[in-house]
Amino acid sequence: MREYYSITELTREFGISTRTLRFYEDEGLIHPVRRGRTRLFRQSDRHLVRQILRGKRLGFSIAEIGEIVQMYREPPGEVGQLKLMIKRIEEKREDLRQKRRDLEETLAELDHAEESCVERLAELGVNT
């Protein structure tokens, strides 16, 4: 296992830009070592980048990811982080379920509107 990774190595590994890594650093999510103008990322930073990207794929905001990361760093530590993660997953799941219900309702309304238009065109003697 290596001690440090360059910004270029991490951007290539994760398919992200240097700007993205700098953003994560600005947000306090990762803390690379600085040697002059060079950023050197530890294994822990690499792991955090992986977790941040996973959180983003799951639909979490940077603020939510930051809250989860911070929970790991402070008491109650990993247990608190895991409990918070479960809570956030349930919230995200319910949000997605509501969006699915909203989409299904909108699709039904569109189907009804289209059906009404087709019926009216038929009444006017126009073929669709």
C-alpha atoms as a PDB file:
ATOM      1  CA  MET A   1       0.000   0.000   0.000  1.00  0.00           C
ATOM      2  CA  ARG A   2       1.398   3.394  -0.986  1.00  0.00           C
ATOM      3  CA  GLU A   3       1.739   6.292   1.397  1.00  0.00           C
ATOM      4  CA  TYR A   4       0.792   9.090  -1.033  1.00  0.00           C
ATOM      5  CA  TYR A   5      -1.068   9.593  -4.309  1.00  0.00           C
ATOM      6  CA  SER A   6      -0.786  12.564  -6.633  1.00  0.00           C
ATOM      7  CA  ILE A   7      -3.779  14.586  -7.753  1.00  0.00           C
ATOM      8  CA  THR A   8      -3.262  13.207 -11.269  1.00  0.00           C
ATOM      9  CA  GLU A   9      -3.342   9.617 -10.034  1.00  0.00           C
ATOM     10  CA  LEU A  10      -6.618  10.160  -8.171  1.00  0.00           C
ATOM     11  CA  THR A  11      -8.285  12.013 -11.035  1.00  0.00           C
ATOM     12  CA  ARG A  12      -7.407   9.170 -13.393  1.00  0.00           C
ATOM     13  CA  GLU A  13      -8.452   6.453 -10.960  1.00  0.00           C
ATOM     14  CA  PHE A  14     -11.853   7.986 -10.229  1.00  0.00           C
ATOM     15  CA  GLY A  15     -12.522   9.698 -13.554  1.00  0.00           C
ATOM     16  CA  ILE A  16     -12.906  13.131 -11.968  1.00  0.00           C
ATOM     17  CA  SER A  17     -11.300  16.498 -12.542  1.00  0.00           C
ATOM     18  CA  THR A  18      -8.634  18.210 -10.482  1.00  0.00           C
ATOM     19  CA  ARG A  19     -11.217  20.907  -9.877  1.00  0.00           C
ATOM     20  CA  THR A  20     -13.490  18.305  -8.244  1.00  0.00           C
ATOM     21  CA  LEU A  21     -10.733  17.213  -5.862  1.00  0.00           C
ATOM     22  CA  ARG A  22      -9.974  20.830  -5.001  1.00  0.00           C
ATOM     23  CA  PHE A  23     -13.682  21.386  -4.342  1.00  0.00           C
ATOM     24  CA  TYR A  24     -13.784  18.417  -1.956  1.00  0.00           C
ATOM     25  CA  GLU A  25     -10.737  19.872  -0.217  1.00  0.00           C
ATOM     26  CA  ASP A  26     -12.352  23.333  -0.005  1.00  0.00           C
ATOM     27  CA  GLU A  27     -15.449  21.712   1.514  1.00  0.00           C
ATOM     28  CA  GLY A  28     -13.270  20.076   4.169  1.00  0.00           C
ATOM     29  CA  LEU A  29     -14.052  16.536   3.031  1.00  0.00           C
ATOM     30  CA  ILE A  30     -10.441  15.611   2.274  1.00  0.00           C
ATOM     31  CA  HIS A  31      -7.194  16.980   3.670  1.00  0.00           C
ATOM     32  CA  PRO A  32      -4.212  16.344   1.414  1.00  0.00           C
ATOM     33  CA  VAL A  33      -0.697  16.998   2.632  1.00  0.00           C
ATOM     34  CA  ARG A  34       0.904  20.024   1.010  1.00  0.00           C
ATOM     35  CA  ARG A  35       4.494  20.050  -0.121  1.00  0.00           C
ATOM     36  CA  GLY A  36       4.922  23.498  -1.596  1.00  0.00           C
ATOM     37  CA  ARG A  37       2.232  23.785  -4.257  1.00  0.00           C
ATOM     38  CA  THR A  38       1.890  20.014  -4.581  1.00  0.00           C
ATOM     39  CA  ARG A  39      -1.000  18.138  -2.998  1.00  0.00           C
ATOM     40  CA  LEU A  40      -0.262  14.644  -1.772  1.00  0.00           C
ATOM     41  CA  PHE A  41      -3.230  12.459  -0.908  1.00  0.00           C
ATOM     42  CA  ARG A  42      -3.029   9.761   1.747  1.00  0.00           C
ATOM     43  CA  GLN A  43      -4.778   6.406   1.576  1.00  0.00           C
ATOM     44  CA  SER A  44      -7.477   7.851   3.857  1.00  0.00           C
ATOM     45  CA  ASP A  45      -8.121  10.690   1.357  1.00  0.00           C
ATOM     46  CA  ARG A  46      -8.359   8.143  -1.448  1.00  0.00           C
ATOM     47  CA  HIS A  47     -10.887   6.157   0.576  1.00  0.00           C
ATOM     48  CA  LEU A  48     -12.891   9.319   1.307  1.00  0.00           C
ATOM     49  CA  VAL A  49     -12.981  10.241  -2.397  1.00  0.00           C
ATOM     50  CA  ARG A  50     -14.380   6.777  -3.121  1.00  0.00           C
ATOM     51  CA  GLN A  51     -17.035   7.262  -0.413  1.00  0.00           C
ATOM     52  CA  ILE A  52     -17.883  10.795  -1.579  1.00  0.00           C
ATOM     53  CA  LEU A  53     -18.437   9.573  -5.134  1.00  0.00           C
ATOM     54  CA  ARG A  54     -20.553   6.704  -3.845  1.00  0.00           C
ATOM     55  CA  GLY A  55     -22.646   9.159  -1.836  1.00  0.00           C
ATOM     56  CA  LYS A  56     -23.118  11.339  -4.899  1.00  0.00           C
ATOM     57  CA  ARG A  57     -24.227   8.319  -6.968  1.00  0.00           C
ATOM     58  CA  LEU A  58     -26.807   7.610  -4.252  1.00  0.00           C
ATOM     59  CA  GLY A  59     -28.087  11.164  -4.582  1.00  0.00           C
ATOM     60  CA  PHE A  60     -26.655  12.707  -1.427  1.00  0.00           C
ATOM     61  CA  SER A  61     -25.660  16.372  -1.455  1.00  0.00           C
ATOM     62  CA  ILE A  62     -22.144  17.495  -0.589  1.00  0.00           C
ATOM     63  CA  ALA A  63     -23.529  18.868   2.696  1.00  0.00           C
ATOM     64  CA  GLU A  64     -25.069  15.480   3.566  1.00  0.00           C
ATOM     65  CA  ILE A  65     -21.849  13.690   2.643  1.00  0.00           C
ATOM     66  CA  GLY A  66     -19.892  16.168   4.746  1.00  0.00           C
ATOM     67  CA  GLU A  67     -22.162  15.526   7.713  1.00  0.00           C
ATOM     68  CA  ILE A  68     -21.637  11.778   7.408  1.00  0.00           C
ATOM     69  CA  VAL A  69     -17.850  12.152   7.018  1.00  0.00           C
ATOM     70  CA  GLN A  70     -17.676  14.499  10.013  1.00  0.00           C
ATOM     71  CA  MET A  71     -19.671  12.059  12.121  1.00  0.00           C
ATOM     72  CA  TYR A  72     -16.954   9.455  11.518  1.00  0.00           C
ATOM     73  CA  ARG A  73     -14.219  11.838  12.682  1.00  0.00           C
ATOM     74  CA  GLU A  74     -15.883  12.794  15.962  1.00  0.00           C
ATOM     75  CA  PRO A  75     -17.733  10.959  18.714  1.00  0.00           C
ATOM     76  CA  PRO A  76     -19.774   8.799  18.433  1.00  0.00           C
ATOM     77  CA  GLY A  77     -17.526   7.791  15.524  1.00  0.00           C
ATOM     78  CA  GLU A  78     -18.308   4.919  13.233  1.00  0.00           C
ATOM     79  CA  VAL A  79     -21.432   3.790  15.116  1.00  0.00           C
ATOM     80  CA  GLY A  80     -22.915   7.272  14.858  1.00  0.00           C
ATOM     81  CA  GLN A  81     -21.893   7.506  11.232  1.00  0.00           C
ATOM     82  CA  LEU A  82     -23.576   4.215  10.396  1.00  0.00           C
ATOM     83  CA  LYS A  83     -26.772   5.178  12.206  1.00  0.00           C
ATOM     84  CA  LEU A  84     -26.816   8.542  10.434  1.00  0.00           C
ATOM     85  CA  MET A  85     -26.202   6.803   7.119  1.00  0.00           C
ATOM     86  CA  ILE A  86     -29.178   4.485   7.714  1.00  0.00           C
ATOM     87  CA  LYS A  87     -31.343   7.499   8.538  1.00  0.00           C
ATOM     88  CA  ARG A  88     -30.199   9.369   5.410  1.00  0.00           C
ATOM     89  CA  ILE A  89     -30.775   6.292   3.236  1.00  0.00           C
ATOM     90  CA  GLU A  90     -34.349   5.991   4.512  1.00  0.00           C
ATOM     91  CA  GLU A  91     -34.944   9.703   3.852  1.00  0.00           C
ATOM     92  CA  LYS A  92     -33.496   9.402   0.343  1.00  0.00           C
ATOM     93  CA  ARG A  93     -35.537   6.266  -0.324  1.00  0.00           C
ATOM     94  CA  GLU A  94     -38.773   8.002   0.752  1.00  0.00           C
ATOM     95  CA  ASP A  95     -37.905  11.047  -1.345  1.00  0.00           C
ATOM     96  CA  LEU A  96     -37.420   8.813  -4.387  1.00  0.00           C
ATOM     97  CA  ARG A  97     -40.670   6.966  -3.699  1.00  0.00           C
ATOM     98  CA  GLN A  98     -42.509  10.300  -3.573  1.00  0.00           C
ATOM     99  CA  LYS A  99     -40.886  11.363  -6.844  1.00  0.00           C
ATOM    100  CA  ARG A 100     -41.965   8.061  -8.398  1.00  0.00           C
ATOM    101  CA  ARG A 101     -45.566   8.653  -7.224  1.00  0.00           C
ATOM    102  CA  ASP A 102     -45.437  12.195  -8.627  1.00  0.00           C
ATOM    103  CA  LEU A 103     -44.105  10.925 -11.950  1.00  0.00           C
ATOM    104  CA  GLU A 104     -46.781   8.231 -12.182  1.00  0.00           C
ATOM    105  CA  GLU A 105     -49.467  10.825 -11.471  1.00  0.00           C
ATOM    106  CA  THR A 106     -48.058  13.197 -14.095  1.00  0.00           C
ATOM    107  CA  LEU A 107     -47.860  10.396 -16.658  1.00  0.00           C
ATOM    108  CA  ALA A 108     -51.485   9.482 -15.975  1.00  0.00           C
ATOM    109  CA  GLU A 109     -52.509  13.123 -16.413  1.00  0.00           C
ATOM    110  CA  LEU A 110     -50.604  13.293 -19.711  1.00  0.00           C
ATOM    111  CA  ASP A 111     -52.289  10.088 -20.903  1.00  0.00           C
ATOM    112  CA  HIS A 112     -55.684  11.561 -20.027  1.00  0.00           C
ATOM    113  CA  ALA A 113     -54.911  14.874 -21.767  1.00  0.00           C
ATOM    114  CA  GLU A 114     -53.713  13.059 -24.878  1.00  0.00           C
ATOM    115  CA  GLU A 115     -56.812  10.848 -24.897  1.00  0.00           C
ATOM    116  CA  SER A 116     -59.038  13.939 -24.648  1.00  0.00           C
ATOM    117  CA  CYS A 117     -57.228  15.553 -27.572  1.00  0.00           C
ATOM    118  CA  VAL A 118     -57.575  12.423 -29.728  1.00  0.00           C
ATOM    119  CA  GLU A 119     -61.285  12.168 -28.883  1.00  0.00           C
ATOM    120  CA  ARG A 120     -61.866  15.829 -29.749  1.00  0.00           C
ATOM    121  CA  LEU A 121     -59.989  15.458 -33.041  1.00  0.00           C
ATOM    122  CA  ALA A 122     -62.188  12.447 -33.855  1.00  0.00           C
ATOM    123  CA  GLU A 123     -65.293  14.548 -33.084  1.00  0.00           C
ATOM    124  CA  LEU A 124     -63.963  17.163 -35.526  1.00  0.00           C
ATOM    125  CA  GLY A 125     -63.448  14.469 -38.149  1.00  0.00           C
ATOM    126  CA  VAL A 126     -59.658  14.647 -38.109  1.00  0.00           C
ATOM    127  CA  ASN A 127     -57.600  11.426 -38.161  1.00  0.00           C
ATOM    128  CA  THR A 128     -54.519  11.222 -35.982  1.00  0.00           C
END
